[in-house]
Amino acid sequence: MPTPQEKADFSERLKFSMTRAPEKLRGATDLAKKFSLRYHGEAVSPQTAHKWLTGRSIPTIDKLEVLAGWFKVELHWLHYGPSPGGIAQGTPKPLVRDEQYPASGETLELVSKIEALSPHHRYLVEELVQQFYGAAKR
């Protein structure tokens, strides 16, 4: 049986994963509705989702698998946190400025789209990125 701390930690990882979801999730009701569309079992109630979000319970493994797939995170990370041997693959990790990372498929697709823009639009995108990048240095 999970300890209260394990439940609270799971809750934080779930909330973090929800913030990274491509679709907007506004609390337990949204989580329950959208989760139930993906889960091939009995629908989850908003009360159950609320228990997940407030650290009062952790879902069963079949529900954790759906959550991990939906939020594109490792099942182990979502359930237990980072692996003792290091950060699990797919686990969000802090980015270090100017560190080189292998380009993901999404990054390469974005670069292709930017390259296809007119010179003026590429300039505008570059200026926008510079504004965000410069603001982060302060």
N, C-alpha and C. Protein backbone atom coordinates (compact mmCIF):
# COMPACT_ATOMS: atom_id res chain seq x y z
N MET A 1 0.85 -1.18 0.00
CA MET A 1 0.00 0.00 0.00
C MET A 1 0.89 1.25 0.00
N PRO A 2 0.58 2.20 -0.90
CA PRO A 2 1.41 3.40 -0.98
C PRO A 2 1.31 4.27 0.27
N THR A 3 2.41 4.90 0.61
CA THR A 3 2.44 5.82 1.75
C THR A 3 1.79 7.14 1.34
N PRO A 4 1.40 7.96 2.31
CA PRO A 4 0.86 9.28 1.96
C PRO A 4 1.84 10.11 1.12
N GLN A 5 3.14 10.00 1.40
CA GLN A 5 4.13 10.75 0.62
C GLN A 5 4.19 10.25 -0.83
N GLU A 6 4.13 8.94 -1.03
CA GLU A 6 4.14 8.38 -2.38
C GLU A 6 2.92 8.87 -3.17
N LYS A 7 1.77 8.93 -2.51
CA LYS A 7 0.55 9.42 -3.16
C LYS A 7 0.69 10.89 -3.52
N ALA A 8 1.24 11.67 -2.62
CA ALA A 8 1.44 13.11 -2.88
C ALA A 8 2.43 13.32 -4.02
N ASP A 9 3.50 12.53 -4.05
CA ASP A 9 4.49 12.65 -5.11
C ASP A 9 3.88 12.27 -6.47
N PHE A 10 3.08 11.19 -6.47
CA PHE A 10 2.39 10.80 -7.71
C PHE A 10 1.50 11.95 -8.18
N SER A 11 0.77 12.54 -7.27
CA SER A 11 -0.13 13.64 -7.60
C SER A 11 0.63 14.77 -8.29
N GLU A 12 1.81 15.12 -7.78
CA GLU A 12 2.61 16.19 -8.38
C GLU A 12 3.06 15.82 -9.78
N ARG A 13 3.48 14.57 -9.98
CA ARG A 13 3.90 14.14 -11.31
C ARG A 13 2.72 14.14 -12.28
N LEU A 14 1.55 13.74 -11.82
CA LEU A 14 0.36 13.75 -12.66
C LEU A 14 0.00 15.18 -13.06
N LYS A 15 0.01 16.08 -12.10
CA LYS A 15 -0.31 17.49 -12.40
C LYS A 15 0.70 18.08 -13.39
N PHE A 16 1.96 17.76 -13.19
CA PHE A 16 2.99 18.22 -14.12
C PHE A 16 2.74 17.68 -15.52
N SER A 17 2.41 16.40 -15.61
CA SER A 17 2.14 15.78 -16.91
C SER A 17 0.94 16.43 -17.58
N MET A 18 -0.06 16.78 -16.80
CA MET A 18 -1.24 17.43 -17.35
C MET A 18 -0.91 18.79 -17.95
N THR A 19 0.05 19.50 -17.36
CA THR A 19 0.41 20.82 -17.89
C THR A 19 1.10 20.70 -19.24
N ARG A 20 1.69 19.56 -19.52
CA ARG A 20 2.40 19.34 -20.78
C ARG A 20 1.51 18.74 -21.85
N ALA A 21 0.27 18.38 -21.49
CA ALA A 21 -0.64 17.75 -22.45
C ALA A 21 -0.98 18.71 -23.58
N PRO A 22 -1.12 18.18 -24.79
CA PRO A 22 -1.45 19.06 -25.91
C PRO A 22 -2.84 19.69 -25.78
N GLU A 23 -3.72 19.03 -25.06
CA GLU A 23 -5.06 19.59 -24.86
C GLU A 23 -5.17 20.20 -23.47
N LYS A 24 -5.99 21.20 -23.34
CA LYS A 24 -6.18 21.90 -22.07
C LYS A 24 -6.98 21.01 -21.11
N LEU A 25 -6.46 20.80 -19.93
CA LEU A 25 -7.16 20.02 -18.90
C LEU A 25 -7.40 20.91 -17.70
N ARG A 26 -8.66 21.10 -17.35
CA ARG A 26 -9.01 21.99 -16.24
C ARG A 26 -9.56 21.20 -15.07
N GLY A 27 -8.71 20.49 -14.39
CA GLY A 27 -9.12 19.83 -13.17
C GLY A 27 -9.61 18.41 -13.33
N ALA A 28 -10.19 17.92 -12.25
CA ALA A 28 -10.58 16.51 -12.14
C ALA A 28 -11.67 16.11 -13.13
N THR A 29 -12.63 16.98 -13.36
CA THR A 29 -13.72 16.62 -14.27
C THR A 29 -13.20 16.44 -15.69
N ASP A 30 -12.38 17.37 -16.15
CA ASP A 30 -11.77 17.23 -17.48
C ASP A 30 -10.90 15.98 -17.55
N LEU A 31 -10.09 15.77 -16.53
CA LEU A 31 -9.22 14.60 -16.51
C LEU A 31 -10.05 13.33 -16.59
N ALA A 32 -11.11 13.23 -15.80
CA ALA A 32 -11.95 12.02 -15.79
C ALA A 32 -12.61 11.79 -17.15
N LYS A 33 -13.17 12.84 -17.73
CA LYS A 33 -13.87 12.69 -19.02
C LYS A 33 -12.91 12.25 -20.11
N LYS A 34 -11.78 12.95 -20.23
CA LYS A 34 -10.84 12.66 -21.31
C LYS A 34 -10.08 11.36 -21.08
N PHE A 35 -9.85 11.02 -19.82
CA PHE A 35 -9.22 9.74 -19.51
C PHE A 35 -10.16 8.60 -19.92
N SER A 36 -11.44 8.73 -19.57
CA SER A 36 -12.41 7.66 -19.83
C SER A 36 -12.58 7.40 -21.32
N LEU A 37 -12.33 8.40 -22.16
CA LEU A 37 -12.38 8.19 -23.60
C LEU A 37 -11.25 7.29 -24.09
N ARG A 38 -10.15 7.28 -23.36
CA ARG A 38 -8.98 6.49 -23.74
C ARG A 38 -8.91 5.13 -23.07
N TYR A 39 -9.60 4.99 -21.97
CA TYR A 39 -9.53 3.77 -21.16
C TYR A 39 -10.61 2.79 -21.61
N HIS A 40 -10.22 1.54 -21.78
CA HIS A 40 -11.16 0.52 -22.27
C HIS A 40 -11.82 -0.27 -21.16
N GLY A 41 -12.04 0.36 -20.05
CA GLY A 41 -12.73 -0.26 -18.93
C GLY A 41 -13.85 0.65 -18.48
N GLU A 42 -14.26 0.47 -17.24
CA GLU A 42 -15.32 1.32 -16.69
C GLU A 42 -14.83 2.76 -16.58
N ALA A 43 -15.71 3.69 -16.89
CA ALA A 43 -15.35 5.11 -16.86
C ALA A 43 -14.90 5.52 -15.46
N VAL A 44 -14.01 6.48 -15.42
CA VAL A 44 -13.50 7.01 -14.16
C VAL A 44 -14.34 8.22 -13.78
N SER A 45 -14.73 8.30 -12.53
CA SER A 45 -15.55 9.42 -12.06
C SER A 45 -14.68 10.63 -11.77
N PRO A 46 -15.27 11.83 -11.79
CA PRO A 46 -14.51 13.02 -11.39
C PRO A 46 -13.99 12.91 -9.95
N GLN A 47 -14.72 12.21 -9.09
CA GLN A 47 -14.27 12.03 -7.70
C GLN A 47 -12.99 11.21 -7.65
N THR A 48 -12.91 10.17 -8.49
CA THR A 48 -11.70 9.35 -8.53
C THR A 48 -10.52 10.17 -9.05
N ALA A 49 -10.75 10.92 -10.12
CA ALA A 49 -9.68 11.77 -10.67
C ALA A 49 -9.26 12.81 -9.63
N HIS A 50 -10.21 13.32 -8.87
CA HIS A 50 -9.89 14.29 -7.81
C HIS A 50 -8.98 13.65 -6.76
N LYS A 51 -9.23 12.40 -6.43
CA LYS A 51 -8.37 11.69 -5.46
C LYS A 51 -6.95 11.54 -6.00
N TRP A 52 -6.82 11.30 -7.31
CA TRP A 52 -5.49 11.22 -7.91
C TRP A 52 -4.78 12.56 -7.80
N LEU A 53 -5.51 13.64 -8.09
CA LEU A 53 -4.91 14.97 -8.12
C LEU A 53 -4.61 15.54 -6.75
N THR A 54 -5.30 15.05 -5.73
CA THR A 54 -5.07 15.55 -4.37
C THR A 54 -4.19 14.63 -3.54
N GLY A 55 -3.67 13.58 -4.17
CA GLY A 55 -2.76 12.69 -3.46
C GLY A 55 -3.43 11.75 -2.47
N ARG A 56 -4.69 11.45 -2.69
CA ARG A 56 -5.38 10.52 -1.79
C ARG A 56 -5.38 9.10 -2.32
N SER A 57 -5.08 8.92 -3.63
CA SER A 57 -4.98 7.57 -4.17
C SER A 57 -4.12 7.58 -5.43
N ILE A 58 -3.64 6.39 -5.78
CA ILE A 58 -2.87 6.17 -7.01
C ILE A 58 -3.67 5.18 -7.84
N PRO A 59 -3.82 5.44 -9.14
CA PRO A 59 -4.59 4.52 -9.98
C PRO A 59 -3.96 3.13 -10.08
N THR A 60 -4.75 2.18 -10.51
CA THR A 60 -4.25 0.83 -10.74
C THR A 60 -3.32 0.85 -11.95
N ILE A 61 -2.56 -0.21 -12.11
CA ILE A 61 -1.53 -0.25 -13.16
C ILE A 61 -2.12 -0.08 -14.55
N ASP A 62 -3.30 -0.64 -14.82
CA ASP A 62 -3.89 -0.48 -16.15
C ASP A 62 -4.24 0.98 -16.44
N LYS A 63 -4.68 1.69 -15.42
CA LYS A 63 -5.00 3.11 -15.59
C LYS A 63 -3.71 3.93 -15.69
N LEU A 64 -2.69 3.55 -14.93
CA LEU A 64 -1.40 4.23 -15.03
C LEU A 64 -0.81 4.09 -16.43
N GLU A 65 -0.99 2.92 -17.04
CA GLU A 65 -0.47 2.70 -18.40
C GLU A 65 -1.15 3.66 -19.38
N VAL A 66 -2.46 3.84 -19.23
CA VAL A 66 -3.19 4.76 -20.11
C VAL A 66 -2.71 6.19 -19.88
N LEU A 67 -2.57 6.59 -18.62
CA LEU A 67 -2.09 7.94 -18.31
C LEU A 67 -0.70 8.18 -18.89
N ALA A 68 0.20 7.23 -18.70
CA ALA A 68 1.57 7.38 -19.20
C ALA A 68 1.59 7.49 -20.72
N GLY A 69 0.80 6.66 -21.39
CA GLY A 69 0.74 6.75 -22.85
C GLY A 69 0.15 8.06 -23.32
N TRP A 70 -0.90 8.49 -22.65
CA TRP A 70 -1.58 9.74 -23.00
C TRP A 70 -0.64 10.94 -22.85
N PHE A 71 0.08 11.00 -21.72
CA PHE A 71 0.95 12.14 -21.44
C PHE A 71 2.37 11.96 -21.96
N LYS A 72 2.63 10.82 -22.62
CA LYS A 72 3.93 10.53 -23.21
C LYS A 72 5.07 10.62 -22.20
N VAL A 73 4.88 9.95 -21.07
CA VAL A 73 5.92 9.83 -20.06
C VAL A 73 6.10 8.35 -19.74
N GLU A 74 7.22 8.03 -19.13
CA GLU A 74 7.47 6.65 -18.73
C GLU A 74 6.53 6.24 -17.60
N LEU A 75 6.02 5.04 -17.68
CA LEU A 75 5.14 4.50 -16.65
C LEU A 75 5.83 4.51 -15.29
N HIS A 76 7.08 4.07 -15.25
CA HIS A 76 7.82 4.02 -13.99
C HIS A 76 7.91 5.41 -13.37
N TRP A 77 8.26 6.42 -14.20
CA TRP A 77 8.38 7.78 -13.69
C TRP A 77 7.06 8.28 -13.13
N LEU A 78 5.97 8.05 -13.87
CA LEU A 78 4.67 8.53 -13.41
C LEU A 78 4.28 7.87 -12.09
N HIS A 79 4.50 6.58 -11.98
CA HIS A 79 4.10 5.85 -10.78
C HIS A 79 5.04 6.08 -9.60
N TYR A 80 6.34 5.94 -9.84
CA TYR A 80 7.29 5.94 -8.73
C TYR A 80 8.24 7.14 -8.68
N GLY A 81 8.40 7.84 -9.79
CA GLY A 81 9.38 8.91 -9.85
C GLY A 81 10.60 8.45 -10.63
N PRO A 82 11.66 9.25 -10.64
CA PRO A 82 12.86 8.88 -11.40
C PRO A 82 13.47 7.57 -10.94
N SER A 83 14.04 6.84 -11.89
CA SER A 83 14.73 5.58 -11.58
C SER A 83 15.94 5.86 -10.71
N PRO A 84 16.31 4.93 -9.84
CA PRO A 84 17.51 5.13 -9.03
C PRO A 84 18.76 5.25 -9.88
N GLY A 85 18.79 4.58 -11.05
CA GLY A 85 19.96 4.61 -11.91
C GLY A 85 20.06 5.83 -12.79
N GLY A 86 19.15 6.73 -12.70
CA GLY A 86 19.16 7.93 -13.55
C GLY A 86 17.76 8.25 -14.02
N ILE A 87 17.68 9.16 -14.95
CA ILE A 87 16.39 9.61 -15.45
C ILE A 87 15.89 8.60 -16.48
N ALA A 88 14.66 8.15 -16.30
CA ALA A 88 14.07 7.20 -17.23
C ALA A 88 13.81 7.87 -18.57
N GLN A 89 13.88 7.06 -19.63
CA GLN A 89 13.62 7.60 -20.96
C GLN A 89 12.19 8.13 -21.03
N GLY A 90 12.01 9.29 -21.62
CA GLY A 90 10.68 9.87 -21.74
C GLY A 90 10.30 10.73 -20.55
N THR A 91 11.13 10.72 -19.54
CA THR A 91 10.86 11.52 -18.35
C THR A 91 11.26 12.96 -18.61
N PRO A 92 10.42 13.91 -18.25
CA PRO A 92 10.83 15.30 -18.42
C PRO A 92 12.09 15.57 -17.61
N LYS A 93 13.07 16.22 -18.23
CA LYS A 93 14.28 16.56 -17.51
C LYS A 93 14.61 18.01 -17.80
N PRO A 94 15.28 18.66 -16.90
CA PRO A 94 15.59 20.07 -17.13
C PRO A 94 16.56 20.23 -18.29
N LEU A 95 16.33 21.24 -19.10
CA LEU A 95 17.22 21.54 -20.21
C LEU A 95 18.27 22.53 -19.76
N VAL A 96 19.48 22.31 -20.19
CA VAL A 96 20.58 23.21 -19.87
C VAL A 96 20.82 24.07 -21.10
N ARG A 97 20.85 25.38 -20.92
CA ARG A 97 21.01 26.31 -22.04
C ARG A 97 22.28 25.98 -22.81
N ASP A 98 22.17 25.97 -24.12
CA ASP A 98 23.27 25.77 -25.06
C ASP A 98 23.82 24.34 -25.06
N GLU A 99 23.22 23.42 -24.32
CA GLU A 99 23.67 22.03 -24.38
C GLU A 99 23.11 21.40 -25.65
N GLN A 100 23.88 20.54 -26.29
CA GLN A 100 23.45 19.92 -27.54
C GLN A 100 22.63 18.67 -27.24
N TYR A 101 21.46 18.57 -27.88
CA TYR A 101 20.58 17.41 -27.76
C TYR A 101 20.33 16.86 -29.15
N PRO A 102 20.14 15.56 -29.28
CA PRO A 102 19.78 15.06 -30.61
C PRO A 102 18.41 15.61 -31.00
N ALA A 103 18.27 15.98 -32.27
CA ALA A 103 17.01 16.55 -32.74
C ALA A 103 15.94 15.46 -32.80
N SER A 104 14.77 15.77 -32.24
CA SER A 104 13.65 14.84 -32.30
C SER A 104 12.96 14.97 -33.65
N GLY A 105 12.08 14.05 -33.95
CA GLY A 105 11.30 14.12 -35.18
C GLY A 105 10.48 15.40 -35.24
N GLU A 106 9.92 15.78 -34.09
CA GLU A 106 9.11 17.01 -34.03
C GLU A 106 9.98 18.24 -34.33
N THR A 107 11.20 18.24 -33.81
CA THR A 107 12.11 19.36 -34.05
C THR A 107 12.47 19.45 -35.53
N LEU A 108 12.77 18.31 -36.13
CA LEU A 108 13.13 18.31 -37.54
C LEU A 108 11.95 18.77 -38.41
N GLU A 109 10.74 18.36 -38.04
CA GLU A 109 9.56 18.80 -38.77
C GLU A 109 9.38 20.32 -38.65
N LEU A 110 9.58 20.84 -37.45
CA LEU A 110 9.47 22.28 -37.24
C LEU A 110 10.51 23.04 -38.06
N VAL A 111 11.73 22.54 -38.08
CA VAL A 111 12.80 23.19 -38.85
C VAL A 111 12.43 23.19 -40.33
N SER A 112 11.90 22.08 -40.82
CA SER A 112 11.50 22.02 -42.24
C SER A 112 10.43 23.06 -42.54
N LYS A 113 9.48 23.23 -41.64
CA LYS A 113 8.41 24.21 -41.85
C LYS A 113 8.97 25.63 -41.83
N ILE A 114 9.91 25.89 -40.92
CA ILE A 114 10.51 27.22 -40.86
C ILE A 114 11.31 27.50 -42.14
N GLU A 115 12.06 26.50 -42.60
CA GLU A 115 12.84 26.69 -43.83
C GLU A 115 11.96 26.95 -45.04
N ALA A 116 10.72 26.45 -45.03
CA ALA A 116 9.81 26.64 -46.15
C ALA A 116 9.16 28.03 -46.16
N LEU A 117 9.33 28.79 -45.09
CA LEU A 117 8.75 30.13 -45.02
C LEU A 117 9.49 31.10 -45.94
N SER A 118 8.83 32.17 -46.25
CA SER A 118 9.48 33.23 -47.02
C SER A 118 10.59 33.83 -46.16
N PRO A 119 11.58 34.48 -46.78
CA PRO A 119 12.66 35.09 -46.00
C PRO A 119 12.15 36.05 -44.93
N HIS A 120 11.14 36.83 -45.26
CA HIS A 120 10.59 37.78 -44.28
C HIS A 120 9.99 37.05 -43.08
N HIS A 121 9.22 35.99 -43.34
CA HIS A 121 8.60 35.25 -42.24
C HIS A 121 9.64 34.51 -41.40
N ARG A 122 10.69 33.98 -42.06
CA ARG A 122 11.77 33.34 -41.30
C ARG A 122 12.43 34.36 -40.37
N TYR A 123 12.63 35.57 -40.87
CA TYR A 123 13.19 36.64 -40.06
C TYR A 123 12.31 36.91 -38.84
N LEU A 124 10.99 36.97 -39.04
CA LEU A 124 10.07 37.22 -37.93
C LEU A 124 10.14 36.11 -36.89
N VAL A 125 10.21 34.86 -37.35
CA VAL A 125 10.32 33.73 -36.42
C VAL A 125 11.63 33.83 -35.65
N GLU A 126 12.71 34.16 -36.33
CA GLU A 126 14.02 34.30 -35.68
C GLU A 126 13.98 35.40 -34.62
N GLU A 127 13.36 36.51 -34.93
CA GLU A 127 13.24 37.61 -33.98
C GLU A 127 12.42 37.19 -32.75
N LEU A 128 11.35 36.47 -32.98
CA LEU A 128 10.52 35.99 -31.87
C LEU A 128 11.30 35.05 -30.96
N VAL A 129 12.04 34.14 -31.56
CA VAL A 129 12.86 33.21 -30.76
C VAL A 129 13.91 33.99 -29.98
N GLN A 130 14.52 34.96 -30.61
CA GLN A 130 15.53 35.78 -29.92
C GLN A 130 14.91 36.51 -28.72
N GLN A 131 13.68 36.99 -28.87
CA GLN A 131 13.01 37.67 -27.77
C GLN A 131 12.81 36.72 -26.59
N PHE A 132 12.35 35.51 -26.86
CA PHE A 132 12.16 34.53 -25.78
C PHE A 132 13.50 34.09 -25.19
N TYR A 133 14.46 33.83 -26.04
CA TYR A 133 15.76 33.36 -25.59
C TYR A 133 16.46 34.42 -24.76
N GLY A 134 16.39 35.66 -25.23
CA GLY A 134 17.00 36.77 -24.50
C GLY A 134 16.32 37.01 -23.17
N ALA A 135 14.99 36.88 -23.12
CA ALA A 135 14.25 37.10 -21.88
C ALA A 135 14.60 36.04 -20.84
N ALA A 136 14.92 34.83 -21.29
CA ALA A 136 15.24 33.73 -20.36
C ALA A 136 16.60 33.94 -19.72
N LYS A 137 17.49 34.70 -20.35
CA LYS A 137 18.83 34.92 -19.79
C LYS A 137 18.83 35.85 -18.61
N ARG A 138 17.83 36.68 -18.48
CA ARG A 138 17.80 37.68 -17.41
C ARG A 138 17.57 37.08 -16.07
